[in-house]
Amino acid sequence: MTIFEALRNGQAYDTRGEAYRQEVHAEIDRSDECQFRINHTNPHEKAKLLALENELMPGQMTVS
């Protein structure tokens, strides 16, 4: 179980722990990189933006 799954299940975690920091910081780095690519995409490239948004937030973004 990942730290994020445990948190969703209501488990408490010490945010000072090394395992927590490694997993959370890896997710922050991943999301920062996704957001950077979104911010540098032409706003007229709707399909590309949607794909990038779904990479950032899997399955949460849909075509409107």
N, C-alpha and C. Protein backbone atom coordinates (compact mmCIF):
# COMPACT_ATOMS: atom_id res chain seq x y z
N MET A 1 0.85 -1.17 0.00
CA MET A 1 0.00 0.00 0.00
C MET A 1 0.90 1.24 0.00
N THR A 2 0.58 2.17 -0.87
CA THR A 2 1.35 3.41 -0.93
C THR A 2 0.93 4.32 0.23
N ILE A 3 1.74 5.31 0.47
CA ILE A 3 1.40 6.28 1.51
C ILE A 3 0.10 6.99 1.17
N PHE A 4 -0.11 7.29 -0.10
CA PHE A 4 -1.33 7.98 -0.50
C PHE A 4 -2.56 7.11 -0.27
N GLU A 5 -2.46 5.81 -0.54
CA GLU A 5 -3.57 4.90 -0.27
C GLU A 5 -3.85 4.82 1.22
N ALA A 6 -2.80 4.75 2.01
CA ALA A 6 -2.97 4.69 3.47
C ALA A 6 -3.64 5.97 3.99
N LEU A 7 -3.23 7.12 3.47
CA LEU A 7 -3.85 8.38 3.89
C LEU A 7 -5.32 8.43 3.50
N ARG A 8 -5.64 7.93 2.29
CA ARG A 8 -7.05 7.88 1.87
C ARG A 8 -7.87 6.98 2.79
N ASN A 9 -7.22 5.97 3.36
CA ASN A 9 -7.90 5.04 4.27
C ASN A 9 -7.93 5.55 5.70
N GLY A 10 -7.44 6.77 5.93
CA GLY A 10 -7.52 7.37 7.24
C GLY A 10 -6.35 7.11 8.16
N GLN A 11 -5.32 6.45 7.66
CA GLN A 11 -4.15 6.20 8.49
C GLN A 11 -3.35 7.48 8.68
N ALA A 12 -2.80 7.65 9.86
CA ALA A 12 -1.94 8.80 10.14
C ALA A 12 -0.51 8.45 9.77
N TYR A 13 0.22 9.43 9.30
CA TYR A 13 1.63 9.24 8.95
C TYR A 13 2.45 10.37 9.52
N ASP A 14 3.64 10.03 9.93
CA ASP A 14 4.60 11.03 10.39
C ASP A 14 5.24 11.63 9.14
N THR A 15 4.96 12.89 8.89
CA THR A 15 5.48 13.53 7.68
C THR A 15 6.97 13.77 7.73
N ARG A 16 7.56 13.51 8.87
CA ARG A 16 9.02 13.64 8.99
C ARG A 16 9.73 12.35 8.61
N GLY A 17 8.98 11.27 8.40
CA GLY A 17 9.58 9.98 8.06
C GLY A 17 10.17 9.98 6.66
N GLU A 18 11.25 9.21 6.49
CA GLU A 18 11.95 9.16 5.20
C GLU A 18 11.08 8.57 4.09
N ALA A 19 10.34 7.50 4.39
CA ALA A 19 9.49 6.86 3.37
C ALA A 19 8.43 7.84 2.88
N TYR A 20 7.83 8.56 3.81
CA TYR A 20 6.83 9.56 3.45
C TYR A 20 7.44 10.61 2.54
N ARG A 21 8.57 11.15 2.96
CA ARG A 21 9.21 12.22 2.17
C ARG A 21 9.59 11.73 0.78
N GLN A 22 10.13 10.54 0.67
CA GLN A 22 10.54 10.04 -0.65
C GLN A 22 9.34 9.91 -1.58
N GLU A 23 8.26 9.31 -1.09
CA GLU A 23 7.09 9.10 -1.95
C GLU A 23 6.40 10.41 -2.28
N VAL A 24 6.23 11.26 -1.31
CA VAL A 24 5.53 12.53 -1.54
C VAL A 24 6.36 13.44 -2.44
N HIS A 25 7.65 13.51 -2.19
CA HIS A 25 8.50 14.38 -3.02
C HIS A 25 8.57 13.87 -4.45
N ALA A 26 8.53 12.56 -4.64
CA ALA A 26 8.50 12.00 -6.00
C ALA A 26 7.21 12.41 -6.70
N GLU A 27 6.09 12.41 -5.98
CA GLU A 27 4.82 12.81 -6.57
C GLU A 27 4.81 14.31 -6.86
N ILE A 28 5.38 15.10 -5.98
CA ILE A 28 5.48 16.55 -6.23
C ILE A 28 6.31 16.81 -7.48
N ASP A 29 7.43 16.11 -7.62
CA ASP A 29 8.27 16.27 -8.82
C ASP A 29 7.52 15.88 -10.08
N ARG A 30 6.77 14.76 -10.02
CA ARG A 30 6.00 14.30 -11.17
C ARG A 30 4.94 15.33 -11.55
N SER A 31 4.22 15.84 -10.57
CA SER A 31 3.17 16.80 -10.88
C SER A 31 3.75 18.14 -11.35
N ASP A 32 4.88 18.56 -10.78
CA ASP A 32 5.54 19.79 -11.25
C ASP A 32 5.90 19.67 -12.73
N GLU A 33 6.44 18.52 -13.12
CA GLU A 33 6.85 18.32 -14.50
C GLU A 33 5.64 18.31 -15.43
N CYS A 34 4.55 17.67 -15.00
CA CYS A 34 3.31 17.66 -15.80
C CYS A 34 2.76 19.08 -15.96
N GLN A 35 2.74 19.81 -14.88
CA GLN A 35 2.23 21.18 -14.93
C GLN A 35 3.09 22.07 -15.82
N PHE A 36 4.39 21.86 -15.79
CA PHE A 36 5.29 22.62 -16.65
C PHE A 36 4.94 22.36 -18.12
N ARG A 37 4.73 21.08 -18.47
CA ARG A 37 4.38 20.77 -19.87
C ARG A 37 3.02 21.33 -20.25
N ILE A 38 2.06 21.32 -19.33
CA ILE A 38 0.75 21.91 -19.60
C ILE A 38 0.89 23.41 -19.85
N ASN A 39 1.66 24.07 -19.00
CA ASN A 39 1.83 25.52 -19.11
C ASN A 39 2.55 25.93 -20.38
N HIS A 40 3.31 25.03 -20.99
CA HIS A 40 4.05 25.35 -22.20
C HIS A 40 3.42 24.74 -23.46
N THR A 41 2.15 24.39 -23.35
CA THR A 41 1.42 23.85 -24.50
C THR A 41 0.51 24.93 -25.06
N ASN A 42 0.47 25.01 -26.37
CA ASN A 42 -0.39 25.97 -27.04
C ASN A 42 -1.84 25.72 -26.62
N PRO A 43 -2.57 26.75 -26.18
CA PRO A 43 -3.95 26.55 -25.71
C PRO A 43 -4.90 26.04 -26.80
N HIS A 44 -4.51 26.15 -28.05
CA HIS A 44 -5.35 25.65 -29.13
C HIS A 44 -5.19 24.14 -29.34
N GLU A 45 -4.20 23.53 -28.71
CA GLU A 45 -3.96 22.10 -28.83
C GLU A 45 -4.76 21.36 -27.75
N LYS A 46 -6.08 21.36 -27.92
CA LYS A 46 -6.99 20.82 -26.90
C LYS A 46 -6.74 19.34 -26.59
N ALA A 47 -6.53 18.54 -27.60
CA ALA A 47 -6.33 17.11 -27.37
C ALA A 47 -5.04 16.85 -26.58
N LYS A 48 -4.00 17.59 -26.91
CA LYS A 48 -2.73 17.44 -26.20
C LYS A 48 -2.88 17.89 -24.74
N LEU A 49 -3.58 19.00 -24.53
CA LEU A 49 -3.82 19.48 -23.17
C LEU A 49 -4.62 18.46 -22.36
N LEU A 50 -5.63 17.89 -22.96
CA LEU A 50 -6.45 16.89 -22.27
C LEU A 50 -5.60 15.68 -21.88
N ALA A 51 -4.74 15.24 -22.80
CA ALA A 51 -3.86 14.10 -22.50
C ALA A 51 -2.91 14.44 -21.34
N LEU A 52 -2.35 15.64 -21.36
CA LEU A 52 -1.45 16.05 -20.28
C LEU A 52 -2.20 16.19 -18.95
N GLU A 53 -3.40 16.73 -19.00
CA GLU A 53 -4.20 16.87 -17.79
C GLU A 53 -4.54 15.50 -17.20
N ASN A 54 -4.83 14.53 -18.07
CA ASN A 54 -5.11 13.18 -17.59
C ASN A 54 -3.87 12.50 -17.06
N GLU A 55 -2.71 12.89 -17.54
CA GLU A 55 -1.46 12.37 -16.98
C GLU A 55 -1.27 12.94 -15.58
N LEU A 56 -1.63 14.19 -15.40
CA LEU A 56 -1.50 14.84 -14.09
C LEU A 56 -2.53 14.26 -13.11
N MET A 57 -3.76 14.12 -13.57
CA MET A 57 -4.87 13.64 -12.72
C MET A 57 -5.58 12.50 -13.45
N PRO A 58 -5.03 11.29 -13.40
CA PRO A 58 -5.53 10.17 -14.19
C PRO A 58 -7.04 9.96 -14.10
N GLY A 59 -7.66 9.98 -15.29
CA GLY A 59 -9.08 9.68 -15.42
C GLY A 59 -10.03 10.74 -14.90
N GLN A 60 -9.55 11.88 -14.48
CA GLN A 60 -10.44 12.90 -13.90
C GLN A 60 -10.86 13.95 -14.90
N MET A 61 -10.12 14.07 -16.00
CA MET A 61 -10.42 15.13 -16.96
C MET A 61 -11.17 14.51 -18.14
N THR A 62 -12.21 15.17 -18.59
CA THR A 62 -12.98 14.70 -19.73
C THR A 62 -13.18 15.86 -20.70
N VAL A 63 -13.58 15.52 -21.90
CA VAL A 63 -13.85 16.55 -22.91
C VAL A 63 -15.15 17.22 -22.54
N SER A 64 -15.16 18.55 -22.59
CA SER A 64 -16.40 19.28 -22.26
C SER A 64 -17.09 19.77 -23.50
